[in-house]
Amino acid sequence: MPELPEVEVVRRGLERWVAGRTVEAVEVLHPRAVRRHPAGGADFAARLTGETIGVAQRRGKYLWLPLEGRDLSVLGHLGMSGQLLVQPEEAADEKHLRIRVRFRDTAGTELRFVDQRTFGGLSLHENTADGLPDVIAHIARDPLDPLFDEAAYHAALRAKRTTVKRALLDQSLISGVGNIYADEALWRARLHYERPTATLTRPRSAELLGHVRDVMNAALAVGGTSFDSLYVNVNGESGYFDRSLDAYGREDEPCRRCGTPMRRRPWMNRSSYFCPRCQRPPRVAS
């Protein structure tokens, strides 16, 4: 799934190309694309028609389009393969086009939701007092948010009986970090993914958080990470950070620090990539 940098790249594109535009018509071409909107596709289209799109917002991996003058937002679930594309109106339809949004202006472009695997979708939700769609009110702030509370995060890490990678992926503690950037930050911090969070000192957790921010900012600078054609920005362009990865996907390749072959281990239906020398596993109490 796309992580914070990839979603932020899409958000910036939507801010540039969609904000301030009024919806003329909506076509829902596949029912699964609006399955999180319980009233169905016809209701989604009717309620969105005539509304003006505000500036796209993001928290962690979650992206939404607030509606101007309303306490409503369109929440975008990108899932495994969802794409929000701004395309010329005359462009041929994509094979997996699921939703089309036309606008009441002369810009000549429309918003398309394309999703090969149909795990993603769009849905309308009431906003909380903080302006978040109500279904994601429980999601923590992300490490690039200026209001992210580092002291509270460290306290939560120390109190939680878990391991460091699980904590990084816990969206109620810190949002936006997924498998790729967790492995990258842990490699940079020389921490094994099974290190208990209770053993992290305040300076160590601050260092890890700094690496999380650094790797995400580096990915943002080159448009995110793309391993196939499924992740693209709103103009259909892929990111290039996969060329700079130090850990993820580098099994048996030499560690860029010490030269030891990188390892991959199954982990929570995913994989963890690490250097067995730089990121030594925690000692098991006898």
C-alpha atoms as a PDB file:
ATOM      1  CA  MET A   1       0.000   0.000   0.000  1.00  0.00           C
ATOM      2  CA  PRO A   2       1.183   3.569  -0.548  1.00  0.00           C
ATOM      3  CA  GLU A   3       2.722   5.167   2.520  1.00  0.00           C
ATOM      4  CA  LEU A   4       2.911   8.792   3.630  1.00  0.00           C
ATOM      5  CA  PRO A   5       5.289  10.094   0.905  1.00  0.00           C
ATOM      6  CA  GLU A   6       3.273   8.530  -1.916  1.00  0.00           C
ATOM      7  CA  VAL A   7      -0.036   9.838  -0.533  1.00  0.00           C
ATOM      8  CA  GLU A   8       1.455  13.309   0.014  1.00  0.00           C
ATOM      9  CA  VAL A   9       2.611  13.416  -3.612  1.00  0.00           C
ATOM     10  CA  VAL A  10      -0.974  12.676  -4.717  1.00  0.00           C
ATOM     11  CA  ARG A  11      -2.357  15.249  -2.253  1.00  0.00           C
ATOM     12  CA  ARG A  12      -0.123  17.968  -3.682  1.00  0.00           C
ATOM     13  CA  GLY A  13      -1.299  17.158  -7.179  1.00  0.00           C
ATOM     14  CA  LEU A  14      -4.950  17.332  -6.142  1.00  0.00           C
ATOM     15  CA  GLU A  15      -4.320  20.650  -4.380  1.00  0.00           C
ATOM     16  CA  ARG A  16      -2.906  22.034  -7.605  1.00  0.00           C
ATOM     17  CA  TRP A  17      -5.378  20.628 -10.120  1.00  0.00           C
ATOM     18  CA  VAL A  18      -8.689  20.077  -8.287  1.00  0.00           C
ATOM     19  CA  ALA A  19      -9.052  22.566  -5.395  1.00  0.00           C
ATOM     20  CA  GLY A  20     -11.690  25.241  -5.957  1.00  0.00           C
ATOM     21  CA  ARG A  21     -13.456  23.379  -8.770  1.00  0.00           C
ATOM     22  CA  THR A  22     -17.198  22.678  -8.702  1.00  0.00           C
ATOM     23  CA  VAL A  23     -18.472  19.214  -9.562  1.00  0.00           C
ATOM     24  CA  GLU A  24     -20.679  19.039 -12.657  1.00  0.00           C
ATOM     25  CA  ALA A  25     -21.333  15.286 -12.734  1.00  0.00           C
ATOM     26  CA  VAL A  26     -20.135  12.026 -11.184  1.00  0.00           C
ATOM     27  CA  GLU A  27     -20.148   8.577 -12.788  1.00  0.00           C
ATOM     28  CA  VAL A  28     -19.706   5.503 -10.594  1.00  0.00           C
ATOM     29  CA  LEU A  29     -18.630   2.728 -12.948  1.00  0.00           C
ATOM     30  CA  HIS A  30     -18.037  -0.052 -10.427  1.00  0.00           C
ATOM     31  CA  PRO A  31     -20.041  -0.604  -7.204  1.00  0.00           C
ATOM     32  CA  ARG A  32     -17.027  -1.780  -5.207  1.00  0.00           C
ATOM     33  CA  ALA A  33     -15.419   1.640  -5.655  1.00  0.00           C
ATOM     34  CA  VAL A  34     -18.099   3.136  -3.365  1.00  0.00           C
ATOM     35  CA  ARG A  35     -18.651   0.182  -1.039  1.00  0.00           C
ATOM     36  CA  ARG A  36     -17.566   2.309   1.941  1.00  0.00           C
ATOM     37  CA  HIS A  37     -20.413   4.700   1.078  1.00  0.00           C
ATOM     38  CA  PRO A  38     -23.339   2.639   2.443  1.00  0.00           C
ATOM     39  CA  ALA A  39     -26.041   4.512   0.516  1.00  0.00           C
ATOM     40  CA  GLY A  40     -24.509   3.390  -2.792  1.00  0.00           C
ATOM     41  CA  GLY A  41     -23.188   4.866  -5.987  1.00  0.00           C
ATOM     42  CA  ALA A  42     -26.260   6.870  -7.030  1.00  0.00           C
ATOM     43  CA  ASP A  43     -26.386   8.612  -3.641  1.00  0.00           C
ATOM     44  CA  PHE A  44     -22.625   9.300  -3.715  1.00  0.00           C
ATOM     45  CA  ALA A  45     -22.913  10.875  -7.174  1.00  0.00           C
ATOM     46  CA  ALA A  46     -26.000  12.922  -6.293  1.00  0.00           C
ATOM     47  CA  ARG A  47     -24.541  14.298  -3.058  1.00  0.00           C
ATOM     48  CA  LEU A  48     -21.215  15.241  -4.651  1.00  0.00           C
ATOM     49  CA  THR A  49     -22.727  16.932  -7.721  1.00  0.00           C
ATOM     50  CA  GLY A  50     -22.776  20.720  -7.350  1.00  0.00           C
ATOM     51  CA  GLU A  51     -20.270  20.759  -4.497  1.00  0.00           C
ATOM     52  CA  THR A  52     -16.995  22.706  -4.628  1.00  0.00           C
ATOM     53  CA  ILE A  53     -13.802  20.850  -3.747  1.00  0.00           C
ATOM     54  CA  GLY A  54     -11.562  22.380  -1.099  1.00  0.00           C
ATOM     55  CA  VAL A  55      -7.820  21.929  -0.583  1.00  0.00           C
ATOM     56  CA  ALA A  56      -6.857  18.248  -0.374  1.00  0.00           C
ATOM     57  CA  GLN A  57      -5.835  17.117   3.124  1.00  0.00           C
ATOM     58  CA  ARG A  58      -3.823  14.207   4.487  1.00  0.00           C
ATOM     59  CA  ARG A  59      -3.137  12.512   7.780  1.00  0.00           C
ATOM     60  CA  GLY A  60      -0.654   9.683   7.581  1.00  0.00           C
ATOM     61  CA  LYS A  61      -1.717   7.459   4.677  1.00  0.00           C
ATOM     62  CA  TYR A  62      -5.244   8.894   4.582  1.00  0.00           C
ATOM     63  CA  LEU A  63      -6.285  11.436   1.960  1.00  0.00           C
ATOM     64  CA  TRP A  64      -9.488  13.458   1.727  1.00  0.00           C
ATOM     65  CA  LEU A  65     -11.121  16.275  -0.224  1.00  0.00           C
ATOM     66  CA  PRO A  66     -13.140  18.626   2.017  1.00  0.00           C
ATOM     67  CA  LEU A  67     -16.224  20.203   0.461  1.00  0.00           C
ATOM     68  CA  GLU A  68     -16.247  24.000   0.737  1.00  0.00           C
ATOM     69  CA  GLY A  69     -18.839  25.375   3.137  1.00  0.00           C
ATOM     70  CA  ARG A  70     -19.862  21.897   4.295  1.00  0.00           C
ATOM     71  CA  ASP A  71     -18.904  19.606   7.168  1.00  0.00           C
ATOM     72  CA  LEU A  72     -18.387  16.815   4.648  1.00  0.00           C
ATOM     73  CA  SER A  73     -15.354  15.293   2.943  1.00  0.00           C
ATOM     74  CA  VAL A  74     -14.634  12.761   0.217  1.00  0.00           C
ATOM     75  CA  LEU A  75     -12.270  10.207   1.720  1.00  0.00           C
ATOM     76  CA  GLY A  76      -9.981   8.441  -0.726  1.00  0.00           C
ATOM     77  CA  HIS A  77      -8.955   4.842   0.001  1.00  0.00           C
ATOM     78  CA  LEU A  78      -6.129   4.022  -2.408  1.00  0.00           C
ATOM     79  CA  GLY A  79      -5.796   0.429  -1.226  1.00  0.00           C
ATOM     80  CA  MET A  80      -3.233  -1.679  -3.079  1.00  0.00           C
ATOM     81  CA  SER A  81      -3.658  -0.182  -6.531  1.00  0.00           C
ATOM     82  CA  GLY A  82      -5.915   2.884  -6.383  1.00  0.00           C
ATOM     83  CA  GLN A  83      -4.942   5.919  -8.462  1.00  0.00           C
ATOM     84  CA  LEU A  84      -6.442   9.415  -8.467  1.00  0.00           C
ATOM     85  CA  LEU A  85      -5.625  10.837 -11.876  1.00  0.00           C
ATOM     86  CA  VAL A  86      -6.323  14.251 -13.397  1.00  0.00           C
ATOM     87  CA  GLN A  87      -6.808  13.543 -17.092  1.00  0.00           C
ATOM     88  CA  PRO A  88      -7.897  15.525 -20.169  1.00  0.00           C
ATOM     89  CA  GLU A  89     -11.617  15.016 -20.721  1.00  0.00           C
ATOM     90  CA  GLU A  90     -10.943  13.618 -24.194  1.00  0.00           C
ATOM     91  CA  ALA A  91      -8.377  11.059 -22.995  1.00  0.00           C
ATOM     92  CA  ALA A  92      -9.341   7.427 -23.490  1.00  0.00           C
ATOM     93  CA  ASP A  93     -10.760   5.701 -20.434  1.00  0.00           C
ATOM     94  CA  GLU A  94      -8.323   3.589 -18.438  1.00  0.00           C
ATOM     95  CA  LYS A  95      -9.052  -0.147 -18.411  1.00  0.00           C
ATOM     96  CA  HIS A  96      -9.784  -0.084 -14.683  1.00  0.00           C
ATOM     97  CA  LEU A  97     -11.585   3.266 -14.448  1.00  0.00           C
ATOM     98  CA  ARG A  98     -14.027   3.080 -11.504  1.00  0.00           C
ATOM     99  CA  ILE A  99     -15.233   6.662 -10.864  1.00  0.00           C
ATOM    100  CA  ARG A 100     -15.227   9.778 -13.042  1.00  0.00           C
ATOM    101  CA  VAL A 101     -15.728  13.323 -11.680  1.00  0.00           C
ATOM    102  CA  ARG A 102     -16.411  16.093 -14.208  1.00  0.00           C
ATOM    103  CA  PHE A 103     -16.155  19.777 -13.291  1.00  0.00           C
ATOM    104  CA  ARG A 104     -18.214  22.864 -14.103  1.00  0.00           C
ATOM    105  CA  ASP A 105     -15.449  24.914 -15.738  1.00  0.00           C
ATOM    106  CA  THR A 106     -13.393  25.187 -18.906  1.00  0.00           C
ATOM    107  CA  ALA A 107     -10.140  23.656 -17.617  1.00  0.00           C
ATOM    108  CA  GLY A 108     -10.704  20.617 -19.810  1.00  0.00           C
ATOM    109  CA  THR A 109      -9.635  18.041 -17.203  1.00  0.00           C
ATOM    110  CA  GLU A 110     -11.517  15.586 -15.010  1.00  0.00           C
ATOM    111  CA  LEU A 111     -10.702  13.541 -11.905  1.00  0.00           C
ATOM    112  CA  ARG A 112     -10.605   9.774 -12.358  1.00  0.00           C
ATOM    113  CA  PHE A 113     -10.356   7.023  -9.763  1.00  0.00           C
ATOM    114  CA  VAL A 114      -8.649   4.016 -11.334  1.00  0.00           C
ATOM    115  CA  ASP A 115      -8.198   0.781  -9.383  1.00  0.00           C
ATOM    116  CA  GLN A 116      -7.064  -2.512 -10.887  1.00  0.00           C
ATOM    117  CA  ARG A 117      -7.685  -4.637  -7.792  1.00  0.00           C
ATOM    118  CA  THR A 118     -10.777  -2.722  -6.536  1.00  0.00           C
ATOM    119  CA  PHE A 119      -9.544  -2.705  -2.921  1.00  0.00           C
ATOM    120  CA  GLY A 120      -9.774   1.089  -2.763  1.00  0.00           C
ATOM    121  CA  GLY A 121     -12.591   3.566  -3.282  1.00  0.00           C
ATOM    122  CA  LEU A 122     -14.174   6.915  -2.484  1.00  0.00           C
ATOM    123  CA  SER A 123     -16.784   7.689   0.182  1.00  0.00           C
ATOM    124  CA  LEU A 124     -18.502  10.719   1.753  1.00  0.00           C
ATOM    125  CA  HIS A 125     -18.208  11.290   5.502  1.00  0.00           C
ATOM    126  CA  GLU A 126     -19.144  13.830   8.136  1.00  0.00           C
ATOM    127  CA  ASN A 127     -16.218  15.839   9.510  1.00  0.00           C
ATOM    128  CA  THR A 128     -15.139  16.021  13.129  1.00  0.00           C
ATOM    129  CA  ALA A 129     -14.578  19.369  14.838  1.00  0.00           C
ATOM    130  CA  ASP A 130     -10.921  19.074  13.746  1.00  0.00           C
ATOM    131  CA  GLY A 131     -11.932  18.756  10.102  1.00  0.00           C
ATOM    132  CA  LEU A 132     -11.147  15.036   9.758  1.00  0.00           C
ATOM    133  CA  PRO A 133     -13.588  12.545   8.226  1.00  0.00           C
ATOM    134  CA  ASP A 134     -15.171  10.904  11.254  1.00  0.00           C
ATOM    135  CA  VAL A 135     -14.046   7.383  10.306  1.00  0.00           C
ATOM    136  CA  ILE A 136     -10.365   8.318  10.685  1.00  0.00           C
ATOM    137  CA  ALA A 137     -10.664  10.401  13.868  1.00  0.00           C
ATOM    138  CA  HIS A 138      -8.646   7.750  15.751  1.00  0.00           C
ATOM    139  CA  ILE A 139      -5.605   8.048  13.457  1.00  0.00           C
ATOM    140  CA  ALA A 140      -2.568   9.621  15.130  1.00  0.00           C
ATOM    141  CA  ARG A 141      -0.691  12.580  13.695  1.00  0.00           C
ATOM    142  CA  ASP A 142       2.178  11.708  11.402  1.00  0.00           C
ATOM    143  CA  PRO A 143       5.869  12.530  11.978  1.00  0.00           C
ATOM    144  CA  LEU A 144       5.849  15.360   9.401  1.00  0.00           C
ATOM    145  CA  ASP A 145       2.932  17.088  11.128  1.00  0.00           C
ATOM    146  CA  PRO A 146       4.215  20.181  12.999  1.00  0.00           C
ATOM    147  CA  LEU A 147       1.847  19.315  15.874  1.00  0.00           C
ATOM    148  CA  PHE A 148       3.229  15.800  16.315  1.00  0.00           C
ATOM    149  CA  ASP A 149       3.962  15.326  20.054  1.00  0.00           C
ATOM    150  CA  GLU A 150       7.370  13.658  20.382  1.00  0.00           C
ATOM    151  CA  ALA A 151       7.241  13.431  24.186  1.00  0.00           C
ATOM    152  CA  ALA A 152       3.860  11.712  24.102  1.00  0.00           C
ATOM    153  CA  TYR A 153       5.089   9.332  21.411  1.00  0.00           C
ATOM    154  CA  HIS A 154       8.134   8.352  23.459  1.00  0.00           C
ATOM    155  CA  ALA A 155       5.982   7.779  26.543  1.00  0.00           C
ATOM    156  CA  ALA A 156       3.616   5.601  24.531  1.00  0.00           C
ATOM    157  CA  LEU A 157       6.525   3.548  23.186  1.00  0.00           C
ATOM    158  CA  ARG A 158       7.905   2.928  26.658  1.00  0.00           C
ATOM    159  CA  ALA A 159       4.492   1.974  28.024  1.00  0.00           C
ATOM    160  CA  LYS A 160       3.469  -0.339  25.193  1.00  0.00           C
ATOM    161  CA  ARG A 161       4.509  -3.972  25.434  1.00  0.00           C
ATOM    162  CA  THR A 162       5.445  -4.476  21.803  1.00  0.00           C
ATOM    163  CA  THR A 163       8.388  -4.391  19.413  1.00  0.00           C
ATOM    164  CA  VAL A 164       9.726  -1.401  17.550  1.00  0.00           C
ATOM    165  CA  LYS A 165       8.521  -2.224  14.040  1.00  0.00           C
ATOM    166  CA  ARG A 166       5.029  -3.086  15.281  1.00  0.00           C
ATOM    167  CA  ALA A 167       4.968   0.290  17.034  1.00  0.00           C
ATOM    168  CA  LEU A 168       6.052   2.114  13.878  1.00  0.00           C
ATOM    169  CA  LEU A 169       3.177   0.519  11.964  1.00  0.00           C
ATOM    170  CA  ASP A 170       0.597   1.194  14.695  1.00  0.00           C
ATOM    171  CA  GLN A 171      -1.456   4.017  13.166  1.00  0.00           C
ATOM    172  CA  SER A 172      -2.931   4.908  16.564  1.00  0.00           C
ATOM    173  CA  LEU A 173       0.599   5.800  17.785  1.00  0.00           C
ATOM    174  CA  ILE A 174       2.114   7.335  14.664  1.00  0.00           C
ATOM    175  CA  SER A 175       0.540   7.452  11.217  1.00  0.00           C
ATOM    176  CA  GLY A 176       1.918   7.225   7.714  1.00  0.00           C
ATOM    177  CA  VAL A 177       4.693   4.669   8.291  1.00  0.00           C
ATOM    178  CA  GLY A 178       4.372   1.380   6.445  1.00  0.00           C
ATOM    179  CA  ASN A 179       6.580  -1.617   5.833  1.00  0.00           C
ATOM    180  CA  ILE A 180       9.010   0.016   3.403  1.00  0.00           C
ATOM    181  CA  TYR A 181       9.843   3.146   5.397  1.00  0.00           C
ATOM    182  CA  ALA A 182       9.859   1.254   8.695  1.00  0.00           C
ATOM    183  CA  ASP A 183      12.611  -1.033   7.370  1.00  0.00           C
ATOM    184  CA  GLU A 184      14.508   1.958   5.965  1.00  0.00           C
ATOM    185  CA  ALA A 185      14.351   3.941   9.231  1.00  0.00           C
ATOM    186  CA  LEU A 186      15.316   0.912  11.339  1.00  0.00           C
ATOM    187  CA  TRP A 187      18.335   0.255   9.101  1.00  0.00           C
ATOM    188  CA  ARG A 188      19.435   3.866   9.455  1.00  0.00           C
ATOM    189  CA  ALA A 189      18.982   3.671  13.236  1.00  0.00           C
ATOM    190  CA  ARG A 190      20.775   0.277  13.446  1.00  0.00           C
ATOM    191  CA  LEU A 191      17.777  -1.208  15.262  1.00  0.00           C
ATOM    192  CA  HIS A 192      16.461  -4.745  14.806  1.00  0.00           C
ATOM    193  CA  TYR A 193      12.754  -4.894  14.031  1.00  0.00           C
ATOM    194  CA  GLU A 194      12.081  -7.128  17.068  1.00  0.00           C
ATOM    195  CA  ARG A 195      13.700  -4.740  19.575  1.00  0.00           C
ATOM    196  CA  PRO A 196      11.256  -4.273  22.502  1.00  0.00           C
ATOM    197  CA  THR A 197       9.977  -0.700  22.690  1.00  0.00           C
ATOM    198  CA  ALA A 198      10.379  -0.679  26.472  1.00  0.00           C
ATOM    199  CA  THR A 199      14.179  -0.786  26.001  1.00  0.00           C
ATOM    200  CA  LEU A 200      14.313   2.414  23.945  1.00  0.00           C
ATOM    201  CA  THR A 201      15.676   5.426  25.769  1.00  0.00           C
ATOM    202  CA  ARG A 202      14.331   8.896  24.989  1.00  0.00           C
ATOM    203  CA  PRO A 203      17.426   9.802  22.876  1.00  0.00           C
ATOM    204  CA  ARG A 204      17.165   6.486  20.991  1.00  0.00           C
ATOM    205  CA  SER A 205      13.503   6.943  20.137  1.00  0.00           C
ATOM    206  CA  ALA A 206      14.187  10.561  19.124  1.00  0.00           C
ATOM    207  CA  GLU A 207      16.971   9.334  16.838  1.00  0.00           C
ATOM    208  CA  LEU A 208      14.634   6.758  15.272  1.00  0.00           C
ATOM    209  CA  LEU A 209      11.959   9.398  14.752  1.00  0.00           C
ATOM    210  CA  GLY A 210      14.539  11.608  13.054  1.00  0.00           C
ATOM    211  CA  HIS A 211      15.406   8.790  10.661  1.00  0.00           C
ATOM    212  CA  VAL A 212      11.712   8.237   9.906  1.00  0.00           C
ATOM    213  CA  ARG A 213      11.385  11.908   8.978  1.00  0.00           C
ATOM    214  CA  ASP A 214      14.603  11.906   6.942  1.00  0.00           C
ATOM    215  CA  VAL A 215      13.671   8.874   4.854  1.00  0.00           C
ATOM    216  CA  MET A 216      10.167  10.196   4.207  1.00  0.00           C
ATOM    217  CA  ASN A 217      11.441  13.630   3.171  1.00  0.00           C
ATOM    218  CA  ALA A 218      13.984  11.988   0.879  1.00  0.00           C
ATOM    219  CA  ALA A 219      11.222   9.904  -0.718  1.00  0.00           C
ATOM    220  CA  LEU A 220       9.011  12.977  -1.107  1.00  0.00           C
ATOM    221  CA  ALA A 221      11.796  14.781  -2.952  1.00  0.00           C
ATOM    222  CA  VAL A 222      11.749  12.177  -5.736  1.00  0.00           C
ATOM    223  CA  GLY A 223       8.017  11.505  -5.863  1.00  0.00           C
ATOM    224  CA  GLY A 224       7.744   8.464  -3.600  1.00  0.00           C
ATOM    225  CA  THR A 225       8.569   4.796  -4.128  1.00  0.00           C
ATOM    226  CA  SER A 226       7.297   2.802  -7.130  1.00  0.00           C
ATOM    227  CA  PHE A 227       7.970  -0.903  -7.657  1.00  0.00           C
ATOM    228  CA  ASP A 228       5.465  -1.283 -10.519  1.00  0.00           C
ATOM    229  CA  SER A 229       3.042   0.793 -12.566  1.00  0.00           C
ATOM    230  CA  LEU A 230       0.336   0.831  -9.883  1.00  0.00           C
ATOM    231  CA  TYR A 231       1.610   3.768  -7.821  1.00  0.00           C
ATOM    232  CA  VAL A 232       1.630   7.038  -9.768  1.00  0.00           C
ATOM    233  CA  ASN A 233       0.939  10.702  -9.051  1.00  0.00           C
ATOM    234  CA  VAL A 234      -2.106  12.531 -10.445  1.00  0.00           C
ATOM    235  CA  ASN A 235      -0.335  12.973 -13.789  1.00  0.00           C
ATOM    236  CA  GLY A 236       0.449   9.255 -14.094  1.00  0.00           C
ATOM    237  CA  GLU A 237       4.151   9.577 -13.245  1.00  0.00           C
ATOM    238  CA  SER A 238       6.027   7.099 -11.040  1.00  0.00           C
ATOM    239  CA  GLY A 239       8.310   7.965  -8.128  1.00  0.00           C
ATOM    240  CA  TYR A 240      11.977   7.010  -8.023  1.00  0.00           C
ATOM    241  CA  PHE A 241      12.877   6.430  -4.372  1.00  0.00           C
ATOM    242  CA  ASP A 242      13.085   2.656  -4.913  1.00  0.00           C
ATOM    243  CA  ARG A 243      16.486   3.362  -6.486  1.00  0.00           C
ATOM    244  CA  SER A 244      17.739   4.766  -3.167  1.00  0.00           C
ATOM    245  CA  LEU A 245      16.443   2.113  -0.759  1.00  0.00           C
ATOM    246  CA  ASP A 246      19.034   0.848   1.718  1.00  0.00           C
ATOM    247  CA  ALA A 247      17.120  -2.089   3.203  1.00  0.00           C
ATOM    248  CA  TYR A 248      13.752  -2.920   1.694  1.00  0.00           C
ATOM    249  CA  GLY A 249      13.892  -5.375  -1.201  1.00  0.00           C
ATOM    250  CA  ARG A 250      17.687  -5.860  -0.939  1.00  0.00           C
ATOM    251  CA  GLU A 251      17.876  -9.490   0.236  1.00  0.00           C
ATOM    252  CA  ASP A 252      21.380 -10.984  -0.300  1.00  0.00           C
ATOM    253  CA  GLU A 253      22.736  -7.645  -1.526  1.00  0.00           C
ATOM    254  CA  PRO A 254      25.616  -6.132   0.492  1.00  0.00           C
ATOM    255  CA  CYS A 255      24.725  -3.768   3.319  1.00  0.00           C
ATOM    256  CA  ARG A 256      25.663  -0.261   2.200  1.00  0.00           C
ATOM    257  CA  ARG A 257      27.362   0.297   5.579  1.00  0.00           C
ATOM    258  CA  CYS A 258      29.301  -2.888   6.336  1.00  0.00           C
ATOM    259  CA  GLY A 259      29.019  -5.117   3.261  1.00  0.00           C
ATOM    260  CA  THR A 260      27.270  -7.997   5.050  1.00  0.00           C
ATOM    261  CA  PRO A 261      24.548  -9.632   2.891  1.00  0.00           C
ATOM    262  CA  MET A 262      21.126  -8.253   3.780  1.00  0.00           C
ATOM    263  CA  ARG A 263      18.545 -10.667   5.152  1.00  0.00           C
ATOM    264  CA  ARG A 264      14.791 -11.015   4.702  1.00  0.00           C
ATOM    265  CA  ARG A 265      12.524 -12.642   7.270  1.00  0.00           C
ATOM    266  CA  PRO A 266       8.766 -13.283   7.160  1.00  0.00           C
ATOM    267  CA  TRP A 267       7.001 -10.873   9.497  1.00  0.00           C
ATOM    268  CA  MET A 268       3.237 -10.408  10.086  1.00  0.00           C
ATOM    269  CA  ASN A 269       2.301 -11.561   6.550  1.00  0.00           C
ATOM    270  CA  ARG A 270       4.963  -9.209   5.216  1.00  0.00           C
ATOM    271  CA  SER A 271       8.756  -9.265   5.076  1.00  0.00           C
ATOM    272  CA  SER A 272      11.382  -7.493   7.146  1.00  0.00           C
ATOM    273  CA  TYR A 273      14.705  -6.588   5.529  1.00  0.00           C
ATOM    274  CA  PHE A 274      17.717  -5.943   7.767  1.00  0.00           C
ATOM    275  CA  CYS A 275      21.470  -6.240   8.129  1.00  0.00           C
ATOM    276  CA  PRO A 276      22.356  -9.076  10.553  1.00  0.00           C
ATOM    277  CA  ARG A 277      25.546  -7.277  11.586  1.00  0.00           C
ATOM    278  CA  CYS A 278      24.354  -3.669  11.889  1.00  0.00           C
ATOM    279  CA  GLN A 279      20.951  -4.588  13.292  1.00  0.00           C
ATOM    280  CA  ARG A 280      21.631  -7.354  15.754  1.00  0.00           C
ATOM    281  CA  PRO A 281      18.560  -9.147  17.158  1.00  0.00           C
ATOM    282  CA  PRO A 282      17.686  -8.530  20.809  1.00  0.00           C
ATOM    283  CA  ARG A 283      18.995 -11.013  23.354  1.00  0.00           C
ATOM    284  CA  VAL A 284      16.467 -13.551  24.530  1.00  0.00           C
ATOM    285  CA  ALA A 285      16.268 -13.722  28.316  1.00  0.00           C
ATOM    286  CA  SER A 286      17.262 -17.146  29.623  1.00  0.00           C
END
